[in-house]
Amino acid sequence: MGVFVFLPLILPLTALPIARLAEQHLHPRAATRLLTVFGCVLALCSTLCLALLMVVGTAQLPGNPLPDAWSDPEVRAVVPYDEVTGTTAIGGLALVLGAGAVTVRRHHRVRARALRALEGLPPDAEPDLAVLPDDEPYAYALPGSPGRVVVSTSMLASLDASERHALLAHERAHLARGHHRYLLAVRLAGCANPLLRPLYAAVAYGAERWADEEAAHVVGDRKVTARAVAKAALVSRGAPAPGLAGFASAGPVPRRVAALLGPVPPARSWPPAASRAGLAAFVAAAGATASALSALNAAIALFLVLKAATPL
């Protein structure tokens, strides 16, 4: 196994530069997908290596459920990690699983609370739209089967007809593209390794920008969409966040407005190699590849050693 088993625990640092630079040279759709893939791969490898360290480091602890042969001196000489490493890995793995469970539970609790708020509402002319009579201005996409766009009467009253069209197109883009899955995946990645937590803000911003671009395409006017984003942010300032993908709740609004007032972002799925973002993307790809290879190498080495030590 060697020192390579520890590499996946620190290699998530290689994804941080691309998290800051992806928006500069990539379409928000590509940036969101790329950062989510990097985060998931690095998180899985990190968790696997914690599990391997736990198995190796606890083989000699009394009461462990492992075969006795795994604690033989010959086996320990091949995988020389002491009990401190193993017990520390147990604590780390418990924290990972606990944080992941809490995140998933919170996600489902927010959805359930939002669904309860829709109970008893009269059917709307549009089946995927739920208008709540509320003085608090908000709008968000509620995933489900089927998903629905939830918007308050106060938010609708603050926008004109074209801006309301942009708002609904934005939230429908969240539903159609499954942005809640990207956000949940990268949040779980941050639970697996705290070094990946900065990816969440980048993916949340990318998802909002992705929905902005889709709304601008549907409306056919980028200025109208930018104006809708700015007005929604102003009227919803101080309103409680729903905990789901909202029209003006995620990502720095001035940057989103500035992007909408600029040209359509390029449709490329990888930044130019000569740019800073291109270099950062290659560093992140190299880190993810090295993490996967290190985890695979450690898992195979441990399997072969312990298989040889375990009598048939």
C-alpha atoms as a PDB file:
ATOM      1  CA  MET A   1       0.000   0.000   0.000  1.00  0.00           C
ATOM      2  CA  GLY A   2       2.726   2.426   0.964  1.00  0.00           C
ATOM      3  CA  VAL A   3       2.260   6.146   1.331  1.00  0.00           C
ATOM      4  CA  PHE A   4      -0.018   6.174  -1.715  1.00  0.00           C
ATOM      5  CA  VAL A   5      -2.979   5.261   0.474  1.00  0.00           C
ATOM      6  CA  PHE A   6      -2.773   8.729   2.041  1.00  0.00           C
ATOM      7  CA  LEU A   7      -2.657  10.665  -1.243  1.00  0.00           C
ATOM      8  CA  PRO A   8      -6.424  10.645  -1.951  1.00  0.00           C
ATOM      9  CA  LEU A   9      -6.948  12.410   1.371  1.00  0.00           C
ATOM     10  CA  ILE A  10      -5.032  15.507   0.199  1.00  0.00           C
ATOM     11  CA  LEU A  11      -5.393  15.377  -3.596  1.00  0.00           C
ATOM     12  CA  PRO A  12      -8.773  17.204  -3.450  1.00  0.00           C
ATOM     13  CA  LEU A  13      -6.628  20.338  -3.142  1.00  0.00           C
ATOM     14  CA  THR A  14      -5.940  19.994  -6.885  1.00  0.00           C
ATOM     15  CA  ALA A  15      -9.604  20.794  -7.654  1.00  0.00           C
ATOM     16  CA  LEU A  16      -9.641  24.167  -5.913  1.00  0.00           C
ATOM     17  CA  PRO A  17      -7.999  26.237  -8.703  1.00  0.00           C
ATOM     18  CA  ILE A  18     -10.479  25.065 -11.368  1.00  0.00           C
ATOM     19  CA  ALA A  19     -13.361  25.777  -8.979  1.00  0.00           C
ATOM     20  CA  ARG A  20     -12.348  29.444  -9.079  1.00  0.00           C
ATOM     21  CA  LEU A  21     -11.541  29.658 -12.782  1.00  0.00           C
ATOM     22  CA  ALA A  22     -14.087  27.399 -14.531  1.00  0.00           C
ATOM     23  CA  GLU A  23     -16.654  30.161 -15.018  1.00  0.00           C
ATOM     24  CA  GLN A  24     -14.210  32.296 -16.999  1.00  0.00           C
ATOM     25  CA  HIS A  25     -13.767  29.970 -19.988  1.00  0.00           C
ATOM     26  CA  LEU A  26     -16.585  27.410 -19.794  1.00  0.00           C
ATOM     27  CA  HIS A  27     -20.306  27.405 -20.348  1.00  0.00           C
ATOM     28  CA  PRO A  28     -22.042  27.149 -16.942  1.00  0.00           C
ATOM     29  CA  ARG A  29     -23.447  23.773 -17.993  1.00  0.00           C
ATOM     30  CA  ALA A  30     -19.947  22.395 -18.599  1.00  0.00           C
ATOM     31  CA  ALA A  31     -18.537  24.000 -15.452  1.00  0.00           C
ATOM     32  CA  THR A  32     -21.280  22.528 -13.269  1.00  0.00           C
ATOM     33  CA  ARG A  33     -20.844  19.044 -14.683  1.00  0.00           C
ATOM     34  CA  LEU A  34     -17.043  19.129 -14.633  1.00  0.00           C
ATOM     35  CA  LEU A  35     -16.767  20.312 -11.028  1.00  0.00           C
ATOM     36  CA  THR A  36     -19.352  17.771  -9.878  1.00  0.00           C
ATOM     37  CA  VAL A  37     -17.461  14.915 -11.558  1.00  0.00           C
ATOM     38  CA  PHE A  38     -14.167  16.012 -10.023  1.00  0.00           C
ATOM     39  CA  GLY A  39     -15.771  16.338  -6.595  1.00  0.00           C
ATOM     40  CA  CYS A  40     -17.464  12.929  -6.709  1.00  0.00           C
ATOM     41  CA  VAL A  41     -14.360  11.075  -7.933  1.00  0.00           C
ATOM     42  CA  LEU A  42     -12.101  12.677  -5.338  1.00  0.00           C
ATOM     43  CA  ALA A  43     -14.636  12.098  -2.551  1.00  0.00           C
ATOM     44  CA  LEU A  44     -15.101   8.415  -3.409  1.00  0.00           C
ATOM     45  CA  CYS A  45     -11.355   7.810  -3.492  1.00  0.00           C
ATOM     46  CA  SER A  46     -10.864   9.644  -0.196  1.00  0.00           C
ATOM     47  CA  THR A  47     -13.591   7.585   1.497  1.00  0.00           C
ATOM     48  CA  LEU A  48     -12.215   4.326   0.106  1.00  0.00           C
ATOM     49  CA  CYS A  49      -8.774   5.077   1.486  1.00  0.00           C
ATOM     50  CA  LEU A  50     -10.221   5.863   4.912  1.00  0.00           C
ATOM     51  CA  ALA A  51     -11.888   2.459   4.840  1.00  0.00           C
ATOM     52  CA  LEU A  52      -8.611   0.767   3.828  1.00  0.00           C
ATOM     53  CA  LEU A  53      -6.713   2.499   6.615  1.00  0.00           C
ATOM     54  CA  MET A  54      -9.386   1.403   9.075  1.00  0.00           C
ATOM     55  CA  VAL A  55      -9.071  -2.245   8.010  1.00  0.00           C
ATOM     56  CA  VAL A  56      -5.276  -2.223   8.114  1.00  0.00           C
ATOM     57  CA  GLY A  57      -4.885  -0.263  11.324  1.00  0.00           C
ATOM     58  CA  THR A  58      -7.395  -2.195  13.397  1.00  0.00           C
ATOM     59  CA  ALA A  59      -6.373  -5.756  12.485  1.00  0.00           C
ATOM     60  CA  GLN A  60      -4.540  -6.168  15.810  1.00  0.00           C
ATOM     61  CA  LEU A  61      -7.146  -4.556  18.031  1.00  0.00           C
ATOM     62  CA  PRO A  62      -8.926  -7.015  20.347  1.00  0.00           C
ATOM     63  CA  GLY A  63     -12.503  -7.759  19.447  1.00  0.00           C
ATOM     64  CA  ASN A  64     -12.201  -6.868  15.785  1.00  0.00           C
ATOM     65  CA  PRO A  65     -14.202  -9.108  13.409  1.00  0.00           C
ATOM     66  CA  LEU A  66     -11.267  -9.686  11.041  1.00  0.00           C
ATOM     67  CA  PRO A  67      -9.557 -13.096  10.566  1.00  0.00           C
ATOM     68  CA  ASP A  68      -6.784 -13.780  13.081  1.00  0.00           C
ATOM     69  CA  ALA A  69      -4.233 -14.304  10.306  1.00  0.00           C
ATOM     70  CA  TRP A  70      -4.528 -10.632   9.365  1.00  0.00           C
ATOM     71  CA  SER A  71      -2.719  -9.651  12.550  1.00  0.00           C
ATOM     72  CA  ASP A  72       0.280 -11.963  11.992  1.00  0.00           C
ATOM     73  CA  PRO A  73       3.688 -10.218  12.163  1.00  0.00           C
ATOM     74  CA  GLU A  74       4.410 -11.123   8.524  1.00  0.00           C
ATOM     75  CA  VAL A  75       1.237  -9.388   7.407  1.00  0.00           C
ATOM     76  CA  ARG A  76       1.944  -6.378   9.607  1.00  0.00           C
ATOM     77  CA  ALA A  77       5.403  -6.065   8.036  1.00  0.00           C
ATOM     78  CA  VAL A  78       3.819  -5.719   4.595  1.00  0.00           C
ATOM     79  CA  VAL A  79       1.155  -3.225   5.700  1.00  0.00           C
ATOM     80  CA  PRO A  80       2.911  -1.484   8.607  1.00  0.00           C
ATOM     81  CA  TYR A  81       0.253   0.897   9.909  1.00  0.00           C
ATOM     82  CA  ASP A  82      -0.321   0.949  13.637  1.00  0.00           C
ATOM     83  CA  GLU A  83      -3.501   1.050  15.659  1.00  0.00           C
ATOM     84  CA  VAL A  84      -3.458   4.843  15.969  1.00  0.00           C
ATOM     85  CA  THR A  85      -3.936   5.183  12.220  1.00  0.00           C
ATOM     86  CA  GLY A  86      -6.744   2.639  12.228  1.00  0.00           C
ATOM     87  CA  THR A  87      -8.656   4.129  15.124  1.00  0.00           C
ATOM     88  CA  THR A  88      -8.261   7.597  13.648  1.00  0.00           C
ATOM     89  CA  ALA A  89      -9.613   6.275  10.362  1.00  0.00           C
ATOM     90  CA  ILE A  90     -12.608   4.792  12.204  1.00  0.00           C
ATOM     91  CA  GLY A  91     -13.399   8.219  13.625  1.00  0.00           C
ATOM     92  CA  GLY A  92     -12.943   9.864  10.237  1.00  0.00           C
ATOM     93  CA  LEU A  93     -15.132   7.341   8.471  1.00  0.00           C
ATOM     94  CA  ALA A  94     -17.811   7.689  11.141  1.00  0.00           C
ATOM     95  CA  LEU A  95     -17.776  11.472  10.658  1.00  0.00           C
ATOM     96  CA  VAL A  96     -18.070  11.054   6.883  1.00  0.00           C
ATOM     97  CA  LEU A  97     -21.029   8.693   7.136  1.00  0.00           C
ATOM     98  CA  GLY A  98     -22.697  10.780   9.831  1.00  0.00           C
ATOM     99  CA  ALA A  99     -22.317  14.046   7.934  1.00  0.00           C
ATOM    100  CA  GLY A 100     -23.592  12.408   4.751  1.00  0.00           C
ATOM    101  CA  ALA A 101     -26.635  10.997   6.534  1.00  0.00           C
ATOM    102  CA  VAL A 102     -27.434  14.379   8.089  1.00  0.00           C
ATOM    103  CA  THR A 103     -27.109  16.099   4.694  1.00  0.00           C
ATOM    104  CA  VAL A 104     -29.432  13.637   2.958  1.00  0.00           C
ATOM    105  CA  ARG A 105     -31.932  13.841   5.808  1.00  0.00           C
ATOM    106  CA  ARG A 106     -31.908  17.646   5.729  1.00  0.00           C
ATOM    107  CA  HIS A 107     -32.393  17.604   1.950  1.00  0.00           C
ATOM    108  CA  HIS A 108     -35.446  15.348   2.225  1.00  0.00           C
ATOM    109  CA  ARG A 109     -36.816  17.308   5.188  1.00  0.00           C
ATOM    110  CA  VAL A 110     -36.711  20.571   3.239  1.00  0.00           C
ATOM    111  CA  ARG A 111     -38.471  18.907   0.308  1.00  0.00           C
ATOM    112  CA  ALA A 112     -41.121  17.409   2.592  1.00  0.00           C
ATOM    113  CA  ARG A 113     -41.740  20.769   4.260  1.00  0.00           C
ATOM    114  CA  ALA A 114     -42.129  22.433   0.877  1.00  0.00           C
ATOM    115  CA  LEU A 115     -44.521  19.706  -0.303  1.00  0.00           C
ATOM    116  CA  ARG A 116     -46.653  20.150   2.828  1.00  0.00           C
ATOM    117  CA  ALA A 117     -46.915  23.855   2.050  1.00  0.00           C
ATOM    118  CA  LEU A 118     -48.519  22.967  -1.279  1.00  0.00           C
ATOM    119  CA  GLU A 119     -51.198  20.730   0.207  1.00  0.00           C
ATOM    120  CA  GLY A 120     -54.711  22.059  -0.273  1.00  0.00           C
ATOM    121  CA  LEU A 121     -53.764  24.566  -2.953  1.00  0.00           C
ATOM    122  CA  PRO A 122     -56.297  24.818  -5.800  1.00  0.00           C
ATOM    123  CA  PRO A 123     -54.949  23.397  -9.093  1.00  0.00           C
ATOM    124  CA  ASP A 124     -53.180  25.992 -11.207  1.00  0.00           C
ATOM    125  CA  ALA A 125     -53.667  26.445 -14.917  1.00  0.00           C
ATOM    126  CA  GLU A 126     -50.070  25.240 -15.315  1.00  0.00           C
ATOM    127  CA  PRO A 127     -49.582  21.853 -13.608  1.00  0.00           C
ATOM    128  CA  ASP A 128     -45.887  22.447 -12.869  1.00  0.00           C
ATOM    129  CA  LEU A 129     -46.545  25.813 -11.188  1.00  0.00           C
ATOM    130  CA  ALA A 130     -47.634  26.433  -7.581  1.00  0.00           C
ATOM    131  CA  VAL A 131     -48.419  30.006  -6.537  1.00  0.00           C
ATOM    132  CA  LEU A 132     -48.470  30.532  -2.770  1.00  0.00           C
ATOM    133  CA  PRO A 133     -50.347  33.499  -1.278  1.00  0.00           C
ATOM    134  CA  ASP A 134     -47.464  34.899   0.739  1.00  0.00           C
ATOM    135  CA  ASP A 135     -46.156  38.384   1.477  1.00  0.00           C
ATOM    136  CA  GLU A 136     -42.571  37.061   1.453  1.00  0.00           C
ATOM    137  CA  PRO A 137     -41.051  37.219  -2.055  1.00  0.00           C
ATOM    138  CA  TYR A 138     -39.450  33.945  -3.161  1.00  0.00           C
ATOM    139  CA  ALA A 139     -39.299  31.504  -6.046  1.00  0.00           C
ATOM    140  CA  TYR A 140     -37.653  28.100  -6.136  1.00  0.00           C
ATOM    141  CA  ALA A 141     -37.686  24.772  -7.944  1.00  0.00           C
ATOM    142  CA  LEU A 142     -39.151  21.882  -5.954  1.00  0.00           C
ATOM    143  CA  PRO A 143     -37.874  18.554  -7.362  1.00  0.00           C
ATOM    144  CA  GLY A 144     -40.194  15.585  -7.347  1.00  0.00           C
ATOM    145  CA  SER A 145     -42.294  13.369  -9.573  1.00  0.00           C
ATOM    146  CA  PRO A 146     -43.195  15.638 -11.173  1.00  0.00           C
ATOM    147  CA  GLY A 147     -41.256  18.679 -10.031  1.00  0.00           C
ATOM    148  CA  ARG A 148     -42.954  22.013  -9.519  1.00  0.00           C
ATOM    149  CA  VAL A 149     -42.017  25.672  -9.568  1.00  0.00           C
ATOM    150  CA  VAL A 150     -43.057  27.361  -6.316  1.00  0.00           C
ATOM    151  CA  VAL A 151     -43.443  31.123  -6.335  1.00  0.00           C
ATOM    152  CA  SER A 152     -45.100  33.562  -3.967  1.00  0.00           C
ATOM    153  CA  THR A 153     -47.678  36.136  -5.004  1.00  0.00           C
ATOM    154  CA  SER A 154     -45.384  38.833  -3.618  1.00  0.00           C
ATOM    155  CA  MET A 155     -42.576  37.804  -5.995  1.00  0.00           C
ATOM    156  CA  LEU A 156     -44.915  37.735  -8.994  1.00  0.00           C
ATOM    157  CA  ALA A 157     -46.293  41.165  -8.104  1.00  0.00           C
ATOM    158  CA  SER A 158     -42.786  42.660  -8.049  1.00  0.00           C
ATOM    159  CA  LEU A 159     -42.035  41.664 -11.680  1.00  0.00           C
ATOM    160  CA  ASP A 160     -43.604  42.630 -14.979  1.00  0.00           C
ATOM    161  CA  ALA A 161     -44.900  40.064 -17.482  1.00  0.00           C
ATOM    162  CA  SER A 162     -41.605  39.525 -19.328  1.00  0.00           C
ATOM    163  CA  GLU A 163     -39.665  39.266 -16.081  1.00  0.00           C
ATOM    164  CA  ARG A 164     -42.133  36.724 -14.721  1.00  0.00           C
ATOM    165  CA  HIS A 165     -41.597  34.724 -17.912  1.00  0.00           C
ATOM    166  CA  ALA A 166     -37.839  34.775 -17.249  1.00  0.00           C
ATOM    167  CA  LEU A 167     -38.326  33.752 -13.620  1.00  0.00           C
ATOM    168  CA  LEU A 168     -40.486  30.745 -14.516  1.00  0.00           C
ATOM    169  CA  ALA A 169     -38.131  29.714 -17.332  1.00  0.00           C
ATOM    170  CA  HIS A 170     -35.222  29.869 -14.883  1.00  0.00           C
ATOM    171  CA  GLU A 171     -36.897  27.640 -12.304  1.00  0.00           C
ATOM    172  CA  ARG A 172     -38.113  25.208 -14.963  1.00  0.00           C
ATOM    173  CA  ALA A 173     -34.527  24.908 -16.161  1.00  0.00           C
ATOM    174  CA  HIS A 174     -33.524  23.858 -12.631  1.00  0.00           C
ATOM    175  CA  LEU A 175     -36.124  21.102 -12.755  1.00  0.00           C
ATOM    176  CA  ALA A 176     -35.463  19.970 -16.324  1.00  0.00           C
ATOM    177  CA  ARG A 177     -31.695  19.744 -15.836  1.00  0.00           C
ATOM    178  CA  GLY A 178     -31.823  18.142 -12.385  1.00  0.00           C
ATOM    179  CA  HIS A 179     -29.675  20.786 -10.720  1.00  0.00           C
ATOM    180  CA  HIS A 180     -30.660  19.545  -7.259  1.00  0.00           C
ATOM    181  CA  ARG A 181     -28.756  16.326  -7.984  1.00  0.00           C
ATOM    182  CA  TYR A 182     -25.547  18.203  -8.760  1.00  0.00           C
ATOM    183  CA  LEU A 183     -25.897  20.273  -5.593  1.00  0.00           C
ATOM    184  CA  LEU A 184     -26.596  17.243  -3.407  1.00  0.00           C
ATOM    185  CA  ALA A 185     -23.707  15.269  -4.938  1.00  0.00           C
ATOM    186  CA  VAL A 186     -21.145  18.009  -4.376  1.00  0.00           C
ATOM    187  CA  ARG A 187     -22.445  18.681  -0.867  1.00  0.00           C
ATOM    188  CA  LEU A 188     -21.969  14.992  -0.044  1.00  0.00           C
ATOM    189  CA  ALA A 189     -18.482  15.211  -1.537  1.00  0.00           C
ATOM    190  CA  GLY A 190     -17.740  18.004   0.929  1.00  0.00           C
ATOM    191  CA  CYS A 191     -18.951  15.745   3.743  1.00  0.00           C
ATOM    192  CA  ALA A 192     -16.537  13.042   2.582  1.00  0.00           C
ATOM    193  CA  ASN A 193     -13.554  15.404   2.534  1.00  0.00           C
ATOM    194  CA  PRO A 194     -13.625  18.963   3.944  1.00  0.00           C
ATOM    195  CA  LEU A 195     -11.095  20.042   1.285  1.00  0.00           C
ATOM    196  CA  LEU A 196     -13.890  19.679  -1.286  1.00  0.00           C
ATOM    197  CA  ARG A 197     -16.322  22.048   0.446  1.00  0.00           C
ATOM    198  CA  PRO A 198     -15.325  25.085  -1.677  1.00  0.00           C
ATOM    199  CA  LEU A 199     -16.665  23.206  -4.714  1.00  0.00           C
ATOM    200  CA  TYR A 200     -20.232  23.614  -3.461  1.00  0.00           C
ATOM    201  CA  ALA A 201     -20.273  27.382  -3.904  1.00  0.00           C
ATOM    202  CA  ALA A 202     -18.803  27.042  -7.404  1.00  0.00           C
ATOM    203  CA  VAL A 203     -21.334  24.382  -8.439  1.00  0.00           C
ATOM    204  CA  ALA A 204     -24.241  26.352  -6.928  1.00  0.00           C
ATOM    205  CA  TYR A 205     -23.163  29.425  -8.873  1.00  0.00           C
ATOM    206  CA  GLY A 206     -22.711  27.358 -12.040  1.00  0.00           C
ATOM    207  CA  ALA A 207     -26.212  25.885 -11.681  1.00  0.00           C
ATOM    208  CA  GLU A 208     -27.723  29.364 -11.299  1.00  0.00           C
ATOM    209  CA  ARG A 209     -25.816  30.637 -14.303  1.00  0.00           C
ATOM    210  CA  TRP A 210     -26.868  27.561 -16.298  1.00  0.00           C
ATOM    211  CA  ALA A 211     -30.511  28.287 -15.474  1.00  0.00           C
ATOM    212  CA  ASP A 212     -29.969  31.975 -16.293  1.00  0.00           C
ATOM    213  CA  GLU A 213     -28.692  31.094 -19.750  1.00  0.00           C
ATOM    214  CA  GLU A 214     -31.578  28.718 -20.399  1.00  0.00           C
ATOM    215  CA  ALA A 215     -34.062  31.368 -19.286  1.00  0.00           C
ATOM    216  CA  ALA A 216     -32.433  33.959 -21.542  1.00  0.00           C
ATOM    217  CA  HIS A 217     -32.708  31.545 -24.458  1.00  0.00           C
ATOM    218  CA  VAL A 218     -36.399  30.887 -23.767  1.00  0.00           C
ATOM    219  CA  VAL A 219     -37.235  34.565 -23.280  1.00  0.00           C
ATOM    220  CA  GLY A 220     -35.063  35.631 -26.199  1.00  0.00           C
ATOM    221  CA  ASP A 221     -33.725  38.681 -24.344  1.00  0.00           C
ATOM    222  CA  ARG A 222     -30.685  38.578 -22.075  1.00  0.00           C
ATOM    223  CA  LYS A 223     -31.361  42.086 -20.726  1.00  0.00           C
ATOM    224  CA  VAL A 224     -34.856  41.141 -19.575  1.00  0.00           C
ATOM    225  CA  THR A 225     -33.455  38.079 -17.793  1.00  0.00           C
ATOM    226  CA  ALA A 226     -30.722  40.166 -16.157  1.00  0.00           C
ATOM    227  CA  ARG A 227     -33.299  42.702 -15.011  1.00  0.00           C
ATOM    228  CA  ALA A 228     -35.477  39.929 -13.575  1.00  0.00           C
ATOM    229  CA  VAL A 229     -32.520  38.469 -11.632  1.00  0.00           C
ATOM    230  CA  ALA A 230     -31.593  41.895 -10.234  1.00  0.00           C
ATOM    231  CA  LYS A 231     -35.162  42.840  -9.249  1.00  0.00           C
ATOM    232  CA  ALA A 232     -35.819  39.458  -7.647  1.00  0.00           C
ATOM    233  CA  ALA A 233     -32.645  39.813  -5.595  1.00  0.00           C
ATOM    234  CA  LEU A 234     -33.614  43.291  -4.433  1.00  0.00           C
ATOM    235  CA  VAL A 235     -37.157  42.422  -3.371  1.00  0.00           C
ATOM    236  CA  SER A 236     -36.145  39.140  -1.701  1.00  0.00           C
ATOM    237  CA  ARG A 237     -33.365  40.688   0.369  1.00  0.00           C
ATOM    238  CA  GLY A 238     -33.905  39.591   3.953  1.00  0.00           C
ATOM    239  CA  ALA A 239     -36.465  36.955   3.023  1.00  0.00           C
ATOM    240  CA  PRO A 240     -35.836  33.478   4.475  1.00  0.00           C
ATOM    241  CA  ALA A 241     -34.061  31.116   2.087  1.00  0.00           C
ATOM    242  CA  PRO A 242     -36.179  28.065   1.175  1.00  0.00           C
ATOM    243  CA  GLY A 243     -33.194  25.711   1.136  1.00  0.00           C
ATOM    244  CA  LEU A 244     -33.725  24.783  -2.512  1.00  0.00           C
ATOM    245  CA  ALA A 245     -32.510  26.195  -5.829  1.00  0.00           C
ATOM    246  CA  GLY A 246     -33.947  29.714  -5.818  1.00  0.00           C
ATOM    247  CA  PHE A 247     -34.130  32.426  -8.422  1.00  0.00           C
ATOM    248  CA  ALA A 248     -31.951  34.906  -6.566  1.00  0.00           C
ATOM    249  CA  SER A 249     -30.715  32.946  -3.575  1.00  0.00           C
ATOM    250  CA  ALA A 250     -27.523  31.279  -4.828  1.00  0.00           C
ATOM    251  CA  GLY A 251     -24.414  32.817  -6.317  1.00  0.00           C
ATOM    252  CA  PRO A 252     -23.294  36.454  -6.333  1.00  0.00           C
ATOM    253  CA  VAL A 253     -26.133  38.275  -8.100  1.00  0.00           C
ATOM    254  CA  PRO A 254     -23.972  41.130  -9.527  1.00  0.00           C
ATOM    255  CA  ARG A 255     -21.768  38.576 -11.311  1.00  0.00           C
ATOM    256  CA  ARG A 256     -24.821  36.817 -12.711  1.00  0.00           C
ATOM    257  CA  VAL A 257     -26.281  40.079 -13.974  1.00  0.00           C
ATOM    258  CA  ALA A 258     -22.965  41.121 -15.508  1.00  0.00           C
ATOM    259  CA  ALA A 259     -22.682  37.753 -17.256  1.00  0.00           C
ATOM    260  CA  LEU A 260     -26.195  38.082 -18.692  1.00  0.00           C
ATOM    261  CA  LEU A 261     -25.403  41.567 -19.986  1.00  0.00           C
ATOM    262  CA  GLY A 262     -22.353  40.168 -21.764  1.00  0.00           C
ATOM    263  CA  PRO A 263     -22.125  37.790 -24.712  1.00  0.00           C
ATOM    264  CA  VAL A 264     -23.376  34.213 -24.654  1.00  0.00           C
ATOM    265  CA  PRO A 265     -20.673  32.039 -23.011  1.00  0.00           C
ATOM    266  CA  PRO A 266     -18.769  29.641 -25.270  1.00  0.00           C
ATOM    267  CA  ALA A 267     -20.222  26.158 -25.608  1.00  0.00           C
ATOM    268  CA  ARG A 268     -16.884  24.415 -25.015  1.00  0.00           C
ATOM    269  CA  SER A 269     -16.737  21.609 -22.456  1.00  0.00           C
ATOM    270  CA  TRP A 270     -13.023  22.126 -21.636  1.00  0.00           C
ATOM    271  CA  PRO A 271     -11.163  25.420 -21.222  1.00  0.00           C
ATOM    272  CA  PRO A 272      -8.385  26.374 -23.678  1.00  0.00           C
ATOM    273  CA  ALA A 273      -5.147  24.616 -22.808  1.00  0.00           C
ATOM    274  CA  ALA A 274      -3.158  27.874 -22.921  1.00  0.00           C
ATOM    275  CA  SER A 275      -5.382  29.625 -20.369  1.00  0.00           C
ATOM    276  CA  ARG A 276      -5.092  29.603 -16.589  1.00  0.00           C
ATOM    277  CA  ALA A 277      -8.392  27.732 -16.444  1.00  0.00           C
ATOM    278  CA  GLY A 278      -7.039  25.136 -18.866  1.00  0.00           C
ATOM    279  CA  LEU A 279      -3.981  24.580 -16.683  1.00  0.00           C
ATOM    280  CA  ALA A 280      -6.186  24.357 -13.594  1.00  0.00           C
ATOM    281  CA  ALA A 281      -8.467  21.838 -15.335  1.00  0.00           C
ATOM    282  CA  PHE A 282      -5.495  19.638 -16.233  1.00  0.00           C
ATOM    283  CA  VAL A 283      -4.210  19.861 -12.653  1.00  0.00           C
ATOM    284  CA  ALA A 284      -7.637  18.809 -11.344  1.00  0.00           C
ATOM    285  CA  ALA A 285      -7.855  15.984 -13.890  1.00  0.00           C
ATOM    286  CA  ALA A 286      -4.374  14.813 -12.927  1.00  0.00           C
ATOM    287  CA  GLY A 287      -5.303  14.948  -9.254  1.00  0.00           C
ATOM    288  CA  ALA A 288      -8.496  12.961  -9.805  1.00  0.00           C
ATOM    289  CA  THR A 289      -6.616  10.384 -11.894  1.00  0.00           C
ATOM    290  CA  ALA A 290      -3.814  10.065  -9.341  1.00  0.00           C
ATOM    291  CA  SER A 291      -6.374   9.755  -6.553  1.00  0.00           C
ATOM    292  CA  ALA A 292      -8.247   6.991  -8.385  1.00  0.00           C
ATOM    293  CA  LEU A 293      -5.034   5.108  -9.206  1.00  0.00           C
ATOM    294  CA  SER A 294      -3.729   5.443  -5.645  1.00  0.00           C
ATOM    295  CA  ALA A 295      -6.979   4.166  -4.171  1.00  0.00           C
ATOM    296  CA  LEU A 296      -7.123   1.301  -6.663  1.00  0.00           C
ATOM    297  CA  ASN A 297      -3.484   0.381  -6.047  1.00  0.00           C
ATOM    298  CA  ALA A 298      -3.974   0.383  -2.275  1.00  0.00           C
ATOM    299  CA  ALA A 299      -7.179  -1.666  -2.511  1.00  0.00           C
ATOM    300  CA  ILE A 300      -5.613  -4.299  -4.791  1.00  0.00           C
ATOM    301  CA  ALA A 301      -2.434  -4.518  -2.693  1.00  0.00           C
ATOM    302  CA  LEU A 302      -4.410  -4.928   0.515  1.00  0.00           C
ATOM    303  CA  PHE A 303      -6.688  -7.518  -1.094  1.00  0.00           C
ATOM    304  CA  LEU A 304      -3.764  -9.612  -2.348  1.00  0.00           C
ATOM    305  CA  VAL A 305      -1.881  -9.475   0.944  1.00  0.00           C
ATOM    306  CA  LEU A 306      -4.874 -10.307   3.104  1.00  0.00           C
ATOM    307  CA  LYS A 307      -6.058 -13.001   0.703  1.00  0.00           C
ATOM    308  CA  ALA A 308      -2.641 -14.670   0.969  1.00  0.00           C
ATOM    309  CA  ALA A 309      -2.764 -14.387   4.751  1.00  0.00           C
ATOM    310  CA  THR A 310      -6.261 -15.830   5.065  1.00  0.00           C
ATOM    311  CA  PRO A 311      -6.453 -19.633   4.986  1.00  0.00           C
ATOM    312  CA  LEU A 312      -8.994 -21.189   2.668  1.00  0.00           C
END
